[in-house]
Protein backbone atom coordinates (compact mmCIF):
# COMPACT_ATOMS: atom_id res chain seq x y z
CA MET A 1 52.30 349.65 -17.84
CA ASN A 2 56.04 348.96 -19.17
CA THR A 3 57.63 346.19 -18.13
CA ALA A 4 59.62 348.22 -14.96
CA GLU A 5 57.02 349.63 -13.26
CA SER A 6 54.96 346.32 -13.89
CA GLN A 7 58.22 344.15 -11.72
CA LEU A 8 57.91 347.63 -9.28
CA THR A 9 54.21 346.72 -8.94
CA VAL A 10 55.06 343.13 -8.21
CA ASP A 11 58.03 343.65 -5.52
CA ALA A 12 55.29 346.00 -3.78
CA LEU A 13 53.09 343.61 -3.26
CA GLN A 14 55.90 340.36 -3.06
CA GLU A 15 57.43 342.82 -0.11
CA LYS A 16 53.99 343.43 1.34
CA ILE A 17 53.10 339.72 1.85
CA ALA A 18 56.72 338.97 3.33
CA HIS A 19 55.64 342.13 5.96
CA LEU A 20 52.13 340.66 6.51
CA LYS A 21 54.06 337.20 6.85
CA ARG A 22 56.33 338.76 9.34
CA LYS A 23 53.79 340.52 11.65
CA LEU A 24 52.10 337.28 11.98
CA ASP A 25 55.16 335.49 13.50
CA LYS A 26 54.70 338.23 16.44
CA PRO A 27 52.64 337.53 19.00
CA MET A 28 49.48 340.22 19.24
CA LYS A 29 45.50 340.26 20.20
CA ALA A 30 43.35 338.49 18.04
CA ASP A 31 41.38 340.96 16.76
CA GLU A 32 44.81 342.44 14.86
CA ARG A 33 45.29 338.94 13.60
CA ILE A 34 41.79 338.42 12.12
CA ASN A 35 42.85 341.78 10.10
CA THR A 36 46.69 340.57 9.65
CA LEU A 37 45.08 337.62 8.10
CA ASN A 38 42.15 339.30 6.34
CA ALA A 39 44.38 341.26 4.71
CA LEU A 40 47.32 338.56 3.60
CA ALA A 41 44.37 337.09 2.30
CA TRP A 42 43.52 339.54 -0.15
CA GLU A 43 46.49 340.24 -1.19
CA LEU A 44 47.24 336.58 -2.25
CA ARG A 45 44.16 336.29 -3.94
CA PHE A 46 44.89 336.72 -6.98
CA ALA A 47 48.60 335.26 -6.72
CA ASP A 48 48.08 331.83 -5.07
CA SER A 49 44.00 331.23 -4.67
CA LYS A 50 44.96 328.44 -2.13
CA GLU A 51 47.29 329.79 0.19
CA SER A 52 44.73 333.37 -0.18
CA LEU A 53 41.34 330.60 1.04
CA ARG A 54 43.13 329.23 3.84
CA TYR A 55 44.65 332.44 4.95
CA ALA A 56 41.19 333.24 5.31
CA GLN A 57 39.74 330.00 6.96
CA GLN A 58 42.00 330.59 9.38
CA ALA A 59 40.82 334.13 9.96
CA TYR A 60 36.94 333.18 9.95
CA GLN A 61 37.89 330.21 12.56
CA LEU A 62 40.26 333.06 14.40
CA CYS A 63 36.57 335.16 14.06
CA GLU A 64 34.27 331.99 15.50
CA LEU A 65 36.41 331.63 18.38
CA GLU A 66 36.88 335.04 19.77
CA PHE A 67 32.74 335.66 19.06
CA GLU A 68 32.75 332.60 21.31
CA ILE A 69 34.48 333.89 24.60
CA ASN A 70 33.41 337.38 23.77
CA PRO A 71 30.52 338.12 22.01
CA ASN A 72 30.77 342.18 23.11
CA SER A 73 33.05 342.08 20.99
CA GLY A 74 34.07 344.10 17.81
CA THR A 75 34.57 339.85 15.75
CA ARG A 76 31.21 340.59 14.09
CA TYR A 77 32.33 342.51 11.70
CA GLN A 78 35.15 341.08 11.35
CA ILE A 79 33.83 337.60 10.82
CA ALA A 80 31.93 339.75 7.68
CA ILE A 81 35.29 340.27 5.71
CA ALA A 82 36.52 336.31 6.37
CA ARG A 83 33.44 335.39 4.65
CA SER A 84 33.32 337.67 1.72
CA LEU A 85 36.65 336.57 1.37
């Protein structure tokens, strides 16, 4: 991969991260917020591991809260994803 291709990849990753952060500023259902937080944690895993961990922890905490409120929701799967990050 040459320098121009590397820069395109970095720019695309930065845009994806910015898009996910903007998405978090908007109201959304809990499961969508959990998925967005997990996606953001995944994208940041190499660029900023501390920030990645913070987003993963937020997703996990929201999963736990959502599961307490609605034990029949799909958050068991999301909890497993959050734990894996």
